[in-house]
Amino acid sequence: MARTNPAQFIQQVRGEVSKIVWPTRREVMLTTVMVFIMATITAIFFSFVDIGIRTGLNAIFGLF
């Protein structure tokens, strides 16, 4: 494997960092809101699944 000296390494790192495209404030806010919405929907879904499983188990154990 070819080795590069520290100056070349720093130059390559700067070149790669210049290629980064940072999101705008609007994009960050939009994706943050979407994450919170999806987390809320997921929490509600699993709450209903939990209630369903608990009800089913109570019905099964109620027979005994």
C-alpha atoms as a PDB file:
ATOM      1  CA  MET A   1       0.000   0.000   0.000  1.00  0.00           C
ATOM      2  CA  ALA A   2       1.369   3.385  -0.983  1.00  0.00           C
ATOM      3  CA  ARG A   3       2.126   5.782   1.838  1.00  0.00           C
ATOM      4  CA  THR A   4       1.502   9.496   1.631  1.00  0.00           C
ATOM      5  CA  ASN A   5       3.268  12.173   3.574  1.00  0.00           C
ATOM      6  CA  PRO A   6       1.330  14.328   6.061  1.00  0.00           C
ATOM      7  CA  ALA A   7       1.119  17.315   3.684  1.00  0.00           C
ATOM      8  CA  GLN A   8      -0.488  15.198   0.955  1.00  0.00           C
ATOM      9  CA  PHE A   9      -2.834  13.662   3.495  1.00  0.00           C
ATOM     10  CA  ILE A  10      -4.009  17.083   4.705  1.00  0.00           C
ATOM     11  CA  GLN A  11      -4.468  18.192   1.094  1.00  0.00           C
ATOM     12  CA  GLN A  12      -6.563  15.094   0.334  1.00  0.00           C
ATOM     13  CA  VAL A  13      -8.649  15.597   3.465  1.00  0.00           C
ATOM     14  CA  ARG A  14      -9.357  19.218   2.512  1.00  0.00           C
ATOM     15  CA  GLY A  15     -10.345  18.078  -0.969  1.00  0.00           C
ATOM     16  CA  GLU A  16     -12.782  15.539   0.429  1.00  0.00           C
ATOM     17  CA  VAL A  17     -14.229  17.963   2.979  1.00  0.00           C
ATOM     18  CA  SER A  18     -14.884  20.485   0.217  1.00  0.00           C
ATOM     19  CA  LYS A  19     -17.158  17.902  -1.465  1.00  0.00           C
ATOM     20  CA  ILE A  20     -19.514  17.779   1.530  1.00  0.00           C
ATOM     21  CA  VAL A  21     -22.950  19.232   0.852  1.00  0.00           C
ATOM     22  CA  TRP A  22     -24.456  20.444   4.116  1.00  0.00           C
ATOM     23  CA  PRO A  23     -28.249  20.439   4.493  1.00  0.00           C
ATOM     24  CA  THR A  24     -30.068  23.731   4.769  1.00  0.00           C
ATOM     25  CA  ARG A  25     -31.775  24.792   7.987  1.00  0.00           C
ATOM     26  CA  ARG A  26     -35.146  24.061   6.368  1.00  0.00           C
ATOM     27  CA  GLU A  27     -34.097  20.513   5.433  1.00  0.00           C
ATOM     28  CA  VAL A  28     -32.831  19.848   8.959  1.00  0.00           C
ATOM     29  CA  MET A  29     -36.050  21.136  10.520  1.00  0.00           C
ATOM     30  CA  LEU A  30     -38.206  19.130   8.091  1.00  0.00           C
ATOM     31  CA  THR A  31     -36.369  15.865   8.699  1.00  0.00           C
ATOM     32  CA  THR A  32     -36.411  16.453  12.464  1.00  0.00           C
ATOM     33  CA  VAL A  33     -40.179  16.942  12.418  1.00  0.00           C
ATOM     34  CA  MET A  34     -40.590  13.830  10.270  1.00  0.00           C
ATOM     35  CA  VAL A  35     -38.526  11.771  12.741  1.00  0.00           C
ATOM     36  CA  PHE A  36     -40.721  12.920  15.635  1.00  0.00           C
ATOM     37  CA  ILE A  37     -43.879  12.154  13.668  1.00  0.00           C
ATOM     38  CA  MET A  38     -42.668   8.663  12.728  1.00  0.00           C
ATOM     39  CA  ALA A  39     -41.567   7.970  16.314  1.00  0.00           C
ATOM     40  CA  THR A  40     -45.012   8.992  17.564  1.00  0.00           C
ATOM     41  CA  ILE A  41     -46.796   6.822  14.992  1.00  0.00           C
ATOM     42  CA  THR A  42     -44.556   3.873  15.873  1.00  0.00           C
ATOM     43  CA  ALA A  43     -45.193   4.335  19.604  1.00  0.00           C
ATOM     44  CA  ILE A  44     -48.956   4.436  19.031  1.00  0.00           C
ATOM     45  CA  PHE A  45     -48.815   1.335  16.827  1.00  0.00           C
ATOM     46  CA  PHE A  46     -46.851  -0.703  19.366  1.00  0.00           C
ATOM     47  CA  SER A  47     -49.135   0.500  22.156  1.00  0.00           C
ATOM     48  CA  PHE A  48     -52.111  -0.967  20.275  1.00  0.00           C
ATOM     49  CA  VAL A  49     -50.177  -4.176  19.605  1.00  0.00           C
ATOM     50  CA  ASP A  50     -49.329  -4.404  23.311  1.00  0.00           C
ATOM     51  CA  ILE A  51     -52.957  -3.830  24.301  1.00  0.00           C
ATOM     52  CA  GLY A  52     -54.072  -6.518  21.837  1.00  0.00           C
ATOM     53  CA  ILE A  53     -51.571  -9.068  23.107  1.00  0.00           C
ATOM     54  CA  ARG A  54     -52.413  -8.268  26.742  1.00  0.00           C
ATOM     55  CA  THR A  55     -56.148  -8.619  26.057  1.00  0.00           C
ATOM     56  CA  GLY A  56     -55.619 -11.907  24.248  1.00  0.00           C
ATOM     57  CA  LEU A  57     -53.463 -13.332  27.021  1.00  0.00           C
ATOM     58  CA  ASN A  58     -55.942 -12.231  29.681  1.00  0.00           C
ATOM     59  CA  ALA A  59     -58.727 -13.946  27.736  1.00  0.00           C
ATOM     60  CA  ILE A  60     -56.687 -17.150  27.424  1.00  0.00           C
ATOM     61  CA  PHE A  61     -55.648 -17.163  31.073  1.00  0.00           C
ATOM     62  CA  GLY A  62     -59.203 -16.291  32.096  1.00  0.00           C
ATOM     63  CA  LEU A  63     -60.356 -19.620  30.739  1.00  0.00           C
ATOM     64  CA  PHE A  64     -58.217 -21.480  33.275  1.00  0.00           C
END
